[in-house]
Amino acid sequence: MKVNQYDRSGKLKGQAELPEAVFGAKVSPAAIHAVVRAELANRRQGTHKIKVRDEVSGGGKKPWRQKGTGNARQGSTRAPQWRGGGIVHGPQPRSYRMEVPQQIRQAGLRGVLSKKAESGAISVLEDVQVEGYSTRAVAEVFKAMGLVKEPSVAWIVGSDDAKLRASARNIGNLHLIHASRLNAPEILYSGAVVITQSALRILSETLGKSGSGRAA
C-alpha cells in the first residue's frame, strides 16, 4: 500500500510503501473495541468519593422527641433522607484498570491502523528535528502538509526528543505519540495520522510479526 511521503519541511516528496502486515491486516472490530475500551478505562483515576452517613459531620442531636409530635420518628438530621445527609450507594474510590492480552492488543492496533490506511488518512513524514523549543517550526511543517485545519492529527514518532515533544505540545489539534507507546483512541478518532520514517520501522518490528491477511 502506497501513501504520500513528505520531507521534513512538509513538502510532498513522493510515495512510501506501508508494510502490508501492519496496515493491511484483517480488521477485528472486537479487538478494536477491547483495546479502546481498556485504554479509556485505564485513564480513569477512580478517585470519586461520597460521604456515607457516618462520615457526614453533625446530626448528633435527635431532631425531635420520639413520640407525640405527629412527625415520623427521626434519629439524626444526617440520615440519607435529609438534605445534607449521607449518600446511599454512591461512588467510592476504585480502580477501573482493565487488562487486555498482548495478542488482542496488537490485533486491535493493527486493525485501527489498517482502517486509517484504507480510508487514506495516513501519510509518512521524514523525521523532524528542531534545534530549539519552537512551536512555530513544527506548526509550519503541518501547515505545509495541509493539515493545519484538520480537527485532530495523530503524529506517531520514533524518537524521544524532549524538544520536539515540547514544541508540539501547544498545537491544539496535534497529538504526538511514540511508536512504542501507541494508544488506539487517539489514532482511531483522529482525522489524519502522520507517521515518521523511524516510527514506521518500529511499527513494522513490533506489530508486523504476527499480523497477516488483508483488511476486510
N, C-alpha and C. Protein backbone atom coordinates (compact mmCIF):
# COMPACT_ATOMS: atom_id res chain seq x y z
N MET A 1 0.84 -1.19 0.00
CA MET A 1 0.00 0.00 0.00
C MET A 1 0.88 1.25 0.00
N LYS A 2 0.62 2.15 -0.94
CA LYS A 2 1.43 3.35 -1.07
C LYS A 2 0.66 4.56 -0.56
N VAL A 3 1.40 5.44 0.15
CA VAL A 3 0.82 6.68 0.68
C VAL A 3 1.78 7.82 0.37
N ASN A 4 1.29 9.04 0.54
CA ASN A 4 2.13 10.21 0.30
C ASN A 4 3.25 10.30 1.32
N GLN A 5 4.41 10.68 0.86
CA GLN A 5 5.57 10.88 1.74
C GLN A 5 6.04 12.33 1.62
N TYR A 6 6.33 12.94 2.77
CA TYR A 6 6.73 14.34 2.83
C TYR A 6 8.13 14.45 3.43
N ASP A 7 8.84 15.49 3.02
CA ASP A 7 10.16 15.72 3.62
C ASP A 7 9.98 16.43 4.95
N ARG A 8 11.08 16.70 5.63
CA ARG A 8 10.99 17.26 6.99
C ARG A 8 10.45 18.68 7.04
N SER A 9 10.34 19.33 5.88
CA SER A 9 9.75 20.66 5.84
C SER A 9 8.26 20.62 5.53
N GLY A 10 7.73 19.42 5.21
CA GLY A 10 6.31 19.28 4.93
C GLY A 10 5.95 19.30 3.46
N LYS A 11 6.95 19.30 2.59
CA LYS A 11 6.69 19.31 1.15
C LYS A 11 6.58 17.88 0.63
N LEU A 12 5.67 17.70 -0.32
CA LEU A 12 5.44 16.37 -0.89
C LEU A 12 6.69 15.91 -1.61
N LYS A 13 7.15 14.73 -1.25
CA LYS A 13 8.39 14.18 -1.79
C LYS A 13 8.13 13.04 -2.76
N GLY A 14 7.10 12.29 -2.54
CA GLY A 14 6.80 11.13 -3.37
C GLY A 14 5.84 10.22 -2.65
N GLN A 15 6.06 8.94 -2.79
CA GLN A 15 5.22 7.96 -2.12
C GLN A 15 6.07 6.96 -1.35
N ALA A 16 5.48 6.44 -0.28
CA ALA A 16 6.15 5.45 0.56
C ALA A 16 5.29 4.20 0.63
N GLU A 17 5.94 3.08 0.81
CA GLU A 17 5.25 1.80 0.89
C GLU A 17 5.01 1.44 2.35
N LEU A 18 3.75 1.17 2.70
CA LEU A 18 3.42 0.75 4.05
C LEU A 18 3.46 -0.77 4.13
N PRO A 19 4.00 -1.32 5.21
CA PRO A 19 4.04 -2.78 5.35
C PRO A 19 2.63 -3.37 5.43
N GLU A 20 2.36 -4.34 4.57
CA GLU A 20 1.03 -4.93 4.48
C GLU A 20 0.62 -5.63 5.77
N ALA A 21 1.59 -6.18 6.51
CA ALA A 21 1.27 -6.92 7.72
C ALA A 21 0.69 -6.03 8.81
N VAL A 22 1.01 -4.74 8.76
CA VAL A 22 0.55 -3.80 9.78
C VAL A 22 -0.63 -2.98 9.29
N PHE A 23 -0.55 -2.49 8.05
CA PHE A 23 -1.54 -1.55 7.54
C PHE A 23 -2.52 -2.19 6.56
N GLY A 24 -2.38 -3.49 6.34
CA GLY A 24 -3.33 -4.20 5.50
C GLY A 24 -3.84 -5.44 6.19
N ALA A 25 -3.81 -5.43 7.51
CA ALA A 25 -4.20 -6.60 8.29
C ALA A 25 -5.72 -6.74 8.33
N LYS A 26 -6.16 -7.93 8.72
CA LYS A 26 -7.59 -8.18 8.87
C LYS A 26 -8.11 -7.38 10.06
N VAL A 27 -9.18 -6.64 9.84
CA VAL A 27 -9.73 -5.78 10.88
C VAL A 27 -10.68 -6.58 11.76
N SER A 28 -10.42 -6.58 13.06
CA SER A 28 -11.29 -7.25 14.02
C SER A 28 -12.00 -6.19 14.87
N PRO A 29 -13.27 -5.93 14.62
CA PRO A 29 -14.00 -4.94 15.43
C PRO A 29 -13.98 -5.27 16.91
N ALA A 30 -14.01 -6.56 17.26
CA ALA A 30 -14.00 -6.96 18.67
C ALA A 30 -12.67 -6.59 19.32
N ALA A 31 -11.56 -6.80 18.61
CA ALA A 31 -10.25 -6.45 19.16
C ALA A 31 -10.10 -4.94 19.30
N ILE A 32 -10.59 -4.18 18.32
CA ILE A 32 -10.52 -2.72 18.40
C ILE A 32 -11.33 -2.22 19.59
N HIS A 33 -12.52 -2.77 19.75
CA HIS A 33 -13.38 -2.36 20.88
C HIS A 33 -12.71 -2.68 22.21
N ALA A 34 -12.10 -3.85 22.32
CA ALA A 34 -11.47 -4.25 23.57
C ALA A 34 -10.29 -3.32 23.91
N VAL A 35 -9.49 -2.98 22.91
CA VAL A 35 -8.31 -2.13 23.15
C VAL A 35 -8.74 -0.70 23.51
N VAL A 36 -9.67 -0.14 22.76
CA VAL A 36 -10.11 1.24 23.02
C VAL A 36 -10.79 1.32 24.39
N ARG A 37 -11.63 0.36 24.70
CA ARG A 37 -12.35 0.36 25.99
C ARG A 37 -11.36 0.26 27.15
N ALA A 38 -10.35 -0.61 27.02
CA ALA A 38 -9.38 -0.79 28.10
C ALA A 38 -8.53 0.46 28.29
N GLU A 39 -8.08 1.06 27.19
CA GLU A 39 -7.22 2.24 27.31
C GLU A 39 -7.97 3.43 27.90
N LEU A 40 -9.22 3.61 27.51
CA LEU A 40 -10.01 4.70 28.09
C LEU A 40 -10.29 4.44 29.57
N ALA A 41 -10.56 3.18 29.92
CA ALA A 41 -10.83 2.84 31.32
C ALA A 41 -9.58 3.03 32.17
N ASN A 42 -8.41 2.70 31.63
CA ASN A 42 -7.18 2.80 32.41
C ASN A 42 -6.76 4.24 32.66
N ARG A 43 -7.35 5.18 31.94
CA ARG A 43 -7.04 6.59 32.18
C ARG A 43 -7.85 7.17 33.34
N ARG A 44 -8.88 6.47 33.76
CA ARG A 44 -9.72 6.99 34.84
C ARG A 44 -8.97 6.89 36.17
N GLN A 45 -9.01 7.95 36.94
CA GLN A 45 -8.31 7.97 38.22
C GLN A 45 -9.04 7.18 39.28
N GLY A 46 -10.35 7.14 39.21
CA GLY A 46 -11.12 6.39 40.19
C GLY A 46 -11.07 7.00 41.58
N THR A 47 -10.88 8.32 41.67
CA THR A 47 -10.78 8.98 42.98
C THR A 47 -12.11 9.57 43.45
N HIS A 48 -13.21 9.23 42.76
CA HIS A 48 -14.51 9.76 43.15
C HIS A 48 -14.87 9.24 44.54
N LYS A 49 -15.52 10.07 45.33
CA LYS A 49 -15.82 9.71 46.72
C LYS A 49 -17.00 10.50 47.22
N ILE A 50 -17.97 9.80 47.81
CA ILE A 50 -19.07 10.47 48.50
C ILE A 50 -18.96 10.13 49.99
N LYS A 51 -19.70 10.86 50.80
CA LYS A 51 -19.71 10.61 52.24
C LYS A 51 -20.97 9.83 52.62
N VAL A 52 -20.76 8.75 53.30
CA VAL A 52 -21.90 7.99 53.80
C VAL A 52 -22.34 8.59 55.13
N ARG A 53 -23.35 7.99 55.72
CA ARG A 53 -23.99 8.58 56.90
C ARG A 53 -23.01 8.82 58.05
N ASP A 54 -22.11 7.87 58.30
CA ASP A 54 -21.21 8.03 59.44
C ASP A 54 -20.03 8.94 59.15
N GLU A 55 -19.93 9.46 57.91
CA GLU A 55 -18.84 10.38 57.57
C GLU A 55 -19.28 11.83 57.50
N VAL A 56 -20.59 12.09 57.53
CA VAL A 56 -21.10 13.46 57.46
C VAL A 56 -21.08 14.07 58.86
N SER A 57 -20.56 15.27 58.96
CA SER A 57 -20.46 15.92 60.27
C SER A 57 -21.83 16.41 60.73
N GLY A 58 -22.01 16.48 62.05
CA GLY A 58 -23.26 16.97 62.62
C GLY A 58 -24.26 15.86 62.82
N GLY A 59 -25.47 16.27 63.17
CA GLY A 59 -26.55 15.31 63.31
C GLY A 59 -26.52 14.50 64.59
N GLY A 60 -25.81 14.94 65.58
CA GLY A 60 -25.73 14.17 66.82
C GLY A 60 -26.98 14.27 67.67
N LYS A 61 -27.69 15.33 67.51
CA LYS A 61 -28.89 15.54 68.33
C LYS A 61 -30.12 15.02 67.60
N LYS A 62 -30.98 14.37 68.34
CA LYS A 62 -32.25 13.87 67.78
C LYS A 62 -33.12 15.09 67.42
N PRO A 63 -33.67 15.16 66.16
CA PRO A 63 -34.41 16.36 65.73
C PRO A 63 -35.60 16.69 66.62
N TRP A 64 -36.36 15.69 67.04
CA TRP A 64 -37.49 15.89 67.95
C TRP A 64 -37.72 14.59 68.72
N ARG A 65 -38.56 14.68 69.72
CA ARG A 65 -38.75 13.51 70.55
C ARG A 65 -39.40 12.40 69.75
N GLN A 66 -39.30 11.21 70.28
CA GLN A 66 -39.72 10.02 69.54
C GLN A 66 -41.22 10.01 69.24
N LYS A 67 -42.04 10.42 70.21
CA LYS A 67 -43.50 10.33 70.03
C LYS A 67 -44.16 11.65 70.40
N GLY A 68 -45.37 11.81 69.92
CA GLY A 68 -46.18 12.93 70.35
C GLY A 68 -46.12 14.15 69.45
N THR A 69 -45.31 14.18 68.43
CA THR A 69 -45.20 15.36 67.57
C THR A 69 -46.04 15.24 66.30
N GLY A 70 -46.44 14.03 65.95
CA GLY A 70 -47.16 13.83 64.70
C GLY A 70 -46.24 13.58 63.52
N ASN A 71 -44.96 13.76 63.74
CA ASN A 71 -43.99 13.51 62.67
C ASN A 71 -43.47 12.08 62.73
N ALA A 72 -42.88 11.67 61.64
CA ALA A 72 -42.26 10.36 61.64
C ALA A 72 -41.04 10.39 62.55
N ARG A 73 -40.73 9.25 63.15
CA ARG A 73 -39.58 9.17 64.05
C ARG A 73 -38.28 9.41 63.27
N GLN A 74 -37.39 10.20 63.84
CA GLN A 74 -36.11 10.52 63.23
C GLN A 74 -35.03 10.47 64.30
N GLY A 75 -33.89 9.89 63.91
CA GLY A 75 -32.81 9.80 64.88
C GLY A 75 -31.70 10.81 64.64
N SER A 76 -31.58 11.30 63.38
CA SER A 76 -30.49 12.23 63.06
C SER A 76 -30.84 12.99 61.79
N THR A 77 -30.37 14.22 61.71
CA THR A 77 -30.58 15.03 60.50
C THR A 77 -29.54 14.69 59.43
N ARG A 78 -28.68 13.72 59.70
CA ARG A 78 -27.68 13.31 58.70
C ARG A 78 -28.02 11.94 58.10
N ALA A 79 -29.27 11.51 58.34
CA ALA A 79 -29.75 10.29 57.69
C ALA A 79 -29.93 10.56 56.19
N PRO A 80 -29.87 9.56 55.34
CA PRO A 80 -29.91 9.78 53.89
C PRO A 80 -31.14 10.54 53.39
N GLN A 81 -32.27 10.43 54.08
CA GLN A 81 -33.46 11.11 53.58
C GLN A 81 -33.47 12.60 53.88
N TRP A 82 -32.51 13.08 54.66
CA TRP A 82 -32.42 14.51 55.00
C TRP A 82 -31.48 15.22 54.03
N ARG A 83 -31.82 16.46 53.76
CA ARG A 83 -30.91 17.28 52.97
C ARG A 83 -29.63 17.52 53.77
N GLY A 84 -28.48 17.29 53.12
CA GLY A 84 -27.21 17.40 53.83
C GLY A 84 -26.79 16.12 54.51
N GLY A 85 -27.63 15.08 54.38
CA GLY A 85 -27.29 13.81 55.00
C GLY A 85 -26.35 12.99 54.14
N GLY A 86 -26.07 11.81 54.61
CA GLY A 86 -25.18 10.92 53.88
C GLY A 86 -25.81 10.41 52.59
N ILE A 87 -24.96 9.94 51.68
CA ILE A 87 -25.41 9.42 50.39
C ILE A 87 -25.39 7.89 50.43
N VAL A 88 -26.44 7.31 49.87
CA VAL A 88 -26.56 5.86 49.85
C VAL A 88 -26.08 5.32 48.50
N HIS A 89 -25.26 4.29 48.54
CA HIS A 89 -24.79 3.59 47.34
C HIS A 89 -24.10 4.51 46.34
N GLY A 90 -23.41 5.51 46.84
CA GLY A 90 -22.67 6.43 45.97
C GLY A 90 -21.31 5.87 45.59
N PRO A 91 -20.59 6.55 44.69
CA PRO A 91 -19.28 6.04 44.23
C PRO A 91 -18.22 6.11 45.33
N GLN A 92 -17.38 5.12 45.38
CA GLN A 92 -16.26 5.05 46.30
C GLN A 92 -14.98 4.86 45.47
N PRO A 93 -13.83 5.23 46.02
CA PRO A 93 -12.58 5.05 45.27
C PRO A 93 -12.39 3.60 44.81
N ARG A 94 -12.02 3.45 43.55
CA ARG A 94 -11.83 2.12 43.00
C ARG A 94 -10.93 2.21 41.77
N SER A 95 -10.42 1.09 41.34
CA SER A 95 -9.59 1.03 40.14
C SER A 95 -10.43 0.54 38.98
N TYR A 96 -10.34 1.24 37.85
CA TYR A 96 -11.05 0.85 36.64
C TYR A 96 -10.15 0.08 35.67
N ARG A 97 -8.97 -0.28 36.10
CA ARG A 97 -7.99 -0.87 35.21
C ARG A 97 -8.50 -2.16 34.58
N MET A 98 -8.25 -2.29 33.28
CA MET A 98 -8.63 -3.47 32.53
C MET A 98 -7.39 -4.01 31.82
N GLU A 99 -7.19 -5.30 31.90
CA GLU A 99 -6.05 -5.95 31.25
C GLU A 99 -6.51 -6.58 29.94
N VAL A 100 -5.73 -6.36 28.90
CA VAL A 100 -6.01 -6.95 27.59
C VAL A 100 -4.83 -7.80 27.18
N PRO A 101 -5.04 -9.04 26.74
CA PRO A 101 -3.92 -9.88 26.30
C PRO A 101 -3.12 -9.20 25.19
N GLN A 102 -1.82 -9.44 25.19
CA GLN A 102 -0.94 -8.80 24.23
C GLN A 102 -1.35 -9.10 22.79
N GLN A 103 -1.79 -10.31 22.53
CA GLN A 103 -2.19 -10.68 21.18
C GLN A 103 -3.42 -9.89 20.74
N ILE A 104 -4.38 -9.69 21.65
CA ILE A 104 -5.58 -8.92 21.33
C ILE A 104 -5.22 -7.45 21.13
N ARG A 105 -4.34 -6.96 21.98
CA ARG A 105 -3.93 -5.55 21.87
C ARG A 105 -3.26 -5.27 20.52
N GLN A 106 -2.35 -6.15 20.11
CA GLN A 106 -1.68 -5.94 18.84
C GLN A 106 -2.66 -6.06 17.67
N ALA A 107 -3.60 -6.99 17.78
CA ALA A 107 -4.60 -7.13 16.72
C ALA A 107 -5.48 -5.89 16.64
N GLY A 108 -5.81 -5.30 17.79
CA GLY A 108 -6.60 -4.08 17.80
C GLY A 108 -5.86 -2.90 17.20
N LEU A 109 -4.56 -2.76 17.52
CA LEU A 109 -3.77 -1.67 16.96
C LEU A 109 -3.58 -1.83 15.46
N ARG A 110 -3.34 -3.07 15.01
CA ARG A 110 -3.24 -3.29 13.57
C ARG A 110 -4.56 -2.98 12.87
N GLY A 111 -5.67 -3.32 13.53
CA GLY A 111 -6.98 -3.03 12.95
C GLY A 111 -7.22 -1.54 12.81
N VAL A 112 -6.86 -0.76 13.82
CA VAL A 112 -7.03 0.69 13.77
C VAL A 112 -6.17 1.29 12.66
N LEU A 113 -4.90 0.89 12.60
CA LEU A 113 -4.00 1.42 11.56
C LEU A 113 -4.47 1.01 10.17
N SER A 114 -4.98 -0.21 10.04
CA SER A 114 -5.46 -0.68 8.73
C SER A 114 -6.69 0.09 8.29
N LYS A 115 -7.58 0.41 9.22
CA LYS A 115 -8.76 1.19 8.88
C LYS A 115 -8.36 2.59 8.43
N LYS A 116 -7.39 3.18 9.09
CA LYS A 116 -6.94 4.51 8.70
C LYS A 116 -6.25 4.48 7.33
N ALA A 117 -5.48 3.43 7.09
CA ALA A 117 -4.80 3.32 5.79
C ALA A 117 -5.83 3.12 4.67
N GLU A 118 -6.85 2.32 4.95
CA GLU A 118 -7.89 2.06 3.95
C GLU A 118 -8.65 3.33 3.59
N SER A 119 -8.82 4.23 4.56
CA SER A 119 -9.55 5.48 4.31
C SER A 119 -8.65 6.58 3.76
N GLY A 120 -7.36 6.30 3.59
CA GLY A 120 -6.45 7.30 3.04
C GLY A 120 -6.04 8.39 4.01
N ALA A 121 -6.11 8.10 5.30
CA ALA A 121 -5.80 9.12 6.32
C ALA A 121 -4.34 9.11 6.76
N ILE A 122 -3.55 8.17 6.26
CA ILE A 122 -2.16 8.03 6.72
C ILE A 122 -1.20 8.64 5.72
N SER A 123 -0.19 9.32 6.22
CA SER A 123 0.91 9.85 5.40
C SER A 123 2.21 9.65 6.16
N VAL A 124 3.31 9.61 5.43
CA VAL A 124 4.64 9.39 6.02
C VAL A 124 5.44 10.68 5.94
N LEU A 125 6.14 10.99 7.01
CA LEU A 125 6.93 12.21 7.12
C LEU A 125 8.35 11.87 7.54
N GLU A 126 9.32 12.52 6.91
CA GLU A 126 10.69 12.33 7.35
C GLU A 126 10.84 12.80 8.80
N ASP A 127 11.80 12.24 9.51
CA ASP A 127 12.00 12.61 10.91
C ASP A 127 12.32 14.09 11.03
N VAL A 128 11.52 14.78 11.84
CA VAL A 128 11.68 16.22 12.03
C VAL A 128 12.61 16.47 13.21
N GLN A 129 13.54 17.37 13.03
CA GLN A 129 14.47 17.75 14.09
C GLN A 129 14.38 19.25 14.31
N VAL A 130 14.27 19.65 15.57
CA VAL A 130 14.21 21.06 15.91
C VAL A 130 15.46 21.41 16.74
N GLU A 131 16.06 22.55 16.41
CA GLU A 131 17.27 22.96 17.11
C GLU A 131 16.96 23.46 18.52
N GLY A 132 15.83 24.11 18.66
CA GLY A 132 15.44 24.62 19.98
C GLY A 132 13.97 24.30 20.22
N TYR A 133 13.39 24.95 21.22
CA TYR A 133 11.98 24.77 21.52
C TYR A 133 11.19 25.74 20.64
N SER A 134 10.60 25.24 19.58
CA SER A 134 9.93 26.11 18.62
C SER A 134 8.62 25.49 18.16
N THR A 135 7.52 25.99 18.69
CA THR A 135 6.20 25.54 18.25
C THR A 135 5.96 25.97 16.81
N ARG A 136 6.47 27.14 16.45
CA ARG A 136 6.27 27.65 15.09
C ARG A 136 6.90 26.72 14.06
N ALA A 137 8.09 26.19 14.36
CA ALA A 137 8.78 25.32 13.41
C ALA A 137 7.96 24.07 13.12
N VAL A 138 7.38 23.48 14.17
CA VAL A 138 6.56 22.28 13.99
C VAL A 138 5.25 22.64 13.27
N ALA A 139 4.65 23.76 13.63
CA ALA A 139 3.40 24.17 13.00
C ALA A 139 3.58 24.43 11.51
N GLU A 140 4.74 24.96 11.13
CA GLU A 140 4.99 25.23 9.71
C GLU A 140 5.03 23.94 8.90
N VAL A 141 5.55 22.86 9.51
CA VAL A 141 5.60 21.59 8.80
C VAL A 141 4.20 21.09 8.48
N PHE A 142 3.31 21.12 9.45
CA PHE A 142 1.96 20.61 9.24
C PHE A 142 1.12 21.59 8.42
N LYS A 143 1.49 22.85 8.44
CA LYS A 143 0.81 23.82 7.57
C LYS A 143 1.16 23.53 6.12
N ALA A 144 2.43 23.19 5.86
CA ALA A 144 2.85 22.85 4.50
C ALA A 144 2.20 21.56 4.02
N MET A 145 1.90 20.67 4.94
CA MET A 145 1.24 19.41 4.59
C MET A 145 -0.26 19.59 4.39
N GLY A 146 -0.79 20.75 4.74
CA GLY A 146 -2.21 21.00 4.59
C GLY A 146 -3.06 20.43 5.70
N LEU A 147 -2.46 20.20 6.87
CA LEU A 147 -3.19 19.59 7.98
C LEU A 147 -3.48 20.57 9.11
N VAL A 148 -3.21 21.84 8.88
CA VAL A 148 -3.36 22.80 9.97
C VAL A 148 -4.83 22.98 10.37
N LYS A 149 -5.76 22.74 9.45
CA LYS A 149 -7.18 22.90 9.75
C LYS A 149 -7.86 21.57 10.09
N GLU A 150 -7.09 20.50 10.11
CA GLU A 150 -7.65 19.20 10.48
C GLU A 150 -8.03 19.21 11.97
N PRO A 151 -9.25 18.78 12.33
CA PRO A 151 -9.65 18.82 13.75
C PRO A 151 -8.70 18.10 14.69
N SER A 152 -8.17 16.96 14.24
CA SER A 152 -7.29 16.18 15.10
C SER A 152 -6.28 15.43 14.24
N VAL A 153 -4.99 15.53 14.61
CA VAL A 153 -3.92 14.87 13.88
C VAL A 153 -3.10 14.05 14.87
N ALA A 154 -2.94 12.76 14.60
CA ALA A 154 -2.09 11.90 15.41
C ALA A 154 -0.72 11.83 14.73
N TRP A 155 0.31 12.25 15.46
CA TRP A 155 1.67 12.26 14.91
C TRP A 155 2.48 11.19 15.64
N ILE A 156 2.78 10.11 14.94
CA ILE A 156 3.50 8.98 15.53
C ILE A 156 4.98 9.14 15.21
N VAL A 157 5.80 9.26 16.25
CA VAL A 157 7.24 9.47 16.09
C VAL A 157 8.00 8.28 16.65
N GLY A 158 9.27 8.20 16.28
CA GLY A 158 10.09 7.08 16.73
C GLY A 158 11.20 7.45 17.68
N SER A 159 11.28 8.73 18.05
CA SER A 159 12.35 9.18 18.94
C SER A 159 11.77 9.92 20.13
N ASP A 160 12.45 9.81 21.26
CA ASP A 160 12.04 10.53 22.47
C ASP A 160 12.79 11.85 22.53
N ASP A 161 12.44 12.78 21.68
CA ASP A 161 13.08 14.09 21.62
C ASP A 161 12.28 15.06 22.49
N ALA A 162 12.87 15.47 23.60
CA ALA A 162 12.16 16.35 24.53
C ALA A 162 11.83 17.69 23.89
N LYS A 163 12.73 18.21 23.06
CA LYS A 163 12.48 19.49 22.40
C LYS A 163 11.33 19.38 21.40
N LEU A 164 11.30 18.27 20.67
CA LEU A 164 10.23 18.07 19.71
C LEU A 164 8.88 17.91 20.41
N ARG A 165 8.88 17.16 21.51
CA ARG A 165 7.63 16.96 22.26
C ARG A 165 7.13 18.28 22.83
N ALA A 166 8.04 19.09 23.37
CA ALA A 166 7.63 20.38 23.94
C ALA A 166 7.17 21.34 22.85
N SER A 167 7.78 21.26 21.68
CA SER A 167 7.41 22.15 20.58
C SER A 167 6.02 21.82 20.03
N ALA A 168 5.63 20.55 20.09
CA ALA A 168 4.33 20.14 19.58
C ALA A 168 3.22 20.24 20.61
N ARG A 169 3.60 20.48 21.86
CA ARG A 169 2.62 20.43 22.95
C ARG A 169 1.56 21.52 22.83
N ASN A 170 1.94 22.68 22.32
CA ASN A 170 1.00 23.81 22.29
C ASN A 170 0.16 23.87 21.02
N ILE A 171 0.28 22.89 20.15
CA ILE A 171 -0.56 22.84 18.95
C ILE A 171 -1.80 22.04 19.30
N GLY A 172 -2.92 22.71 19.36
CA GLY A 172 -4.13 22.11 19.93
C GLY A 172 -4.62 20.86 19.24
N ASN A 173 -4.53 20.79 17.91
CA ASN A 173 -5.10 19.64 17.19
C ASN A 173 -4.08 18.54 16.94
N LEU A 174 -2.87 18.67 17.50
CA LEU A 174 -1.80 17.71 17.24
C LEU A 174 -1.54 16.86 18.48
N HIS A 175 -1.57 15.53 18.31
CA HIS A 175 -1.29 14.60 19.40
C HIS A 175 -0.04 13.81 19.05
N LEU A 176 1.05 14.07 19.75
CA LEU A 176 2.31 13.38 19.49
C LEU A 176 2.35 12.08 20.28
N ILE A 177 2.61 10.97 19.60
CA ILE A 177 2.60 9.64 20.21
C ILE A 177 3.87 8.91 19.80
N HIS A 178 4.54 8.28 20.77
CA HIS A 178 5.71 7.48 20.43
C HIS A 178 5.25 6.13 19.90
N ALA A 179 5.97 5.61 18.91
CA ALA A 179 5.56 4.37 18.24
C ALA A 179 5.53 3.18 19.19
N SER A 180 6.36 3.20 20.22
CA SER A 180 6.38 2.08 21.17
C SER A 180 5.31 2.21 22.24
N ARG A 181 4.59 3.33 22.25
CA ARG A 181 3.54 3.56 23.24
C ARG A 181 2.25 3.99 22.54
N LEU A 182 1.88 3.25 21.53
CA LEU A 182 0.68 3.59 20.77
C LEU A 182 -0.56 3.51 21.64
N ASN A 183 -1.50 4.41 21.42
CA ASN A 183 -2.79 4.30 22.08
C ASN A 183 -3.87 4.40 21.02
N ALA A 184 -4.75 3.43 21.04
CA ALA A 184 -5.74 3.29 19.99
C ALA A 184 -6.74 4.44 19.89
N PRO A 185 -7.25 5.00 21.01
CA PRO A 185 -8.27 6.05 20.87
C PRO A 185 -7.82 7.25 20.07
N GLU A 186 -6.58 7.77 20.32
CA GLU A 186 -6.12 8.94 19.60
C GLU A 186 -6.01 8.67 18.11
N ILE A 187 -5.55 7.46 17.76
CA ILE A 187 -5.42 7.13 16.34
C ILE A 187 -6.79 6.94 15.70
N LEU A 188 -7.67 6.24 16.39
CA LEU A 188 -8.99 5.93 15.84
C LEU A 188 -9.81 7.20 15.63
N TYR A 189 -9.75 8.13 16.57
CA TYR A 189 -10.59 9.33 16.50
C TYR A 189 -9.91 10.50 15.81
N SER A 190 -8.71 10.31 15.26
CA SER A 190 -8.02 11.38 14.55
C SER A 190 -8.43 11.39 13.08
N GLY A 191 -8.51 12.60 12.53
CA GLY A 191 -8.84 12.70 11.12
C GLY A 191 -7.68 12.36 10.22
N ALA A 192 -6.44 12.57 10.70
CA ALA A 192 -5.25 12.27 9.92
C ALA A 192 -4.21 11.65 10.83
N VAL A 193 -3.41 10.74 10.27
CA VAL A 193 -2.34 10.08 11.01
C VAL A 193 -1.04 10.28 10.23
N VAL A 194 -0.06 10.91 10.89
CA VAL A 194 1.24 11.15 10.27
C VAL A 194 2.27 10.29 10.98
N ILE A 195 3.01 9.50 10.22
CA ILE A 195 3.98 8.57 10.78
C ILE A 195 5.37 8.92 10.26
N THR A 196 6.32 9.10 11.16
CA THR A 196 7.68 9.37 10.72
C THR A 196 8.34 8.07 10.26
N GLN A 197 9.44 8.21 9.52
CA GLN A 197 10.12 7.03 8.98
C GLN A 197 10.65 6.13 10.09
N SER A 198 11.20 6.73 11.16
CA SER A 198 11.70 5.91 12.26
C SER A 198 10.56 5.20 12.98
N ALA A 199 9.42 5.85 13.10
CA ALA A 199 8.25 5.21 13.73
C ALA A 199 7.73 4.07 12.86
N LEU A 200 7.81 4.24 11.55
CA LEU A 200 7.35 3.19 10.65
C LEU A 200 8.17 1.92 10.82
N ARG A 201 9.47 2.08 11.04
CA ARG A 201 10.32 0.91 11.27
C ARG A 201 9.96 0.22 12.59
N ILE A 202 9.67 1.01 13.62
CA ILE A 202 9.30 0.43 14.92
C ILE A 202 7.97 -0.32 14.81
N LEU A 203 7.01 0.27 14.10
CA LEU A 203 5.71 -0.40 13.94
C LEU A 203 5.85 -1.70 13.17
N SER A 204 6.73 -1.71 12.17
CA SER A 204 6.95 -2.93 11.40
C SER A 204 7.54 -4.03 12.27
N GLU A 205 8.43 -3.65 13.19
CA GLU A 205 9.08 -4.64 14.05
C GLU A 205 8.16 -5.16 15.14
N THR A 206 7.35 -4.26 15.73
CA THR A 206 6.55 -4.64 16.89
C THR A 206 5.19 -5.22 16.52
N LEU A 207 4.58 -4.74 15.43
CA LEU A 207 3.23 -5.18 15.07
C LEU A 207 3.20 -6.06 13.84
N GLY A 208 4.28 -6.09 13.08
CA GLY A 208 4.25 -6.82 11.81
C GLY A 208 4.61 -8.28 11.92
N LYS A 209 5.03 -8.73 13.08
CA LYS A 209 5.50 -10.11 13.21
C LYS A 209 4.37 -11.11 13.12
N SER A 210 3.25 -10.81 13.83
CA SER A 210 2.15 -11.78 13.87
C SER A 210 0.94 -11.34 13.07
N GLY A 211 1.04 -10.19 12.38
CA GLY A 211 -0.10 -9.72 11.59
C GLY A 211 -0.12 -10.36 10.23
N SER A 212 -1.27 -10.73 9.75
CA SER A 212 -1.39 -11.36 8.44
C SER A 212 -2.79 -11.10 7.91
N GLY A 213 -2.93 -11.25 6.60
CA GLY A 213 -4.24 -11.08 5.98
C GLY A 213 -4.44 -9.66 5.55
N ARG A 214 -5.44 -9.45 4.68
CA ARG A 214 -5.75 -8.13 4.16
C ARG A 214 -6.95 -7.57 4.91
N ALA A 215 -7.06 -6.24 4.84
CA ALA A 215 -8.17 -5.56 5.53
C ALA A 215 -9.49 -5.99 4.94
N ALA A 216 -10.47 -6.15 5.85
CA ALA A 216 -11.80 -6.56 5.38
C ALA A 216 -12.78 -5.44 5.63
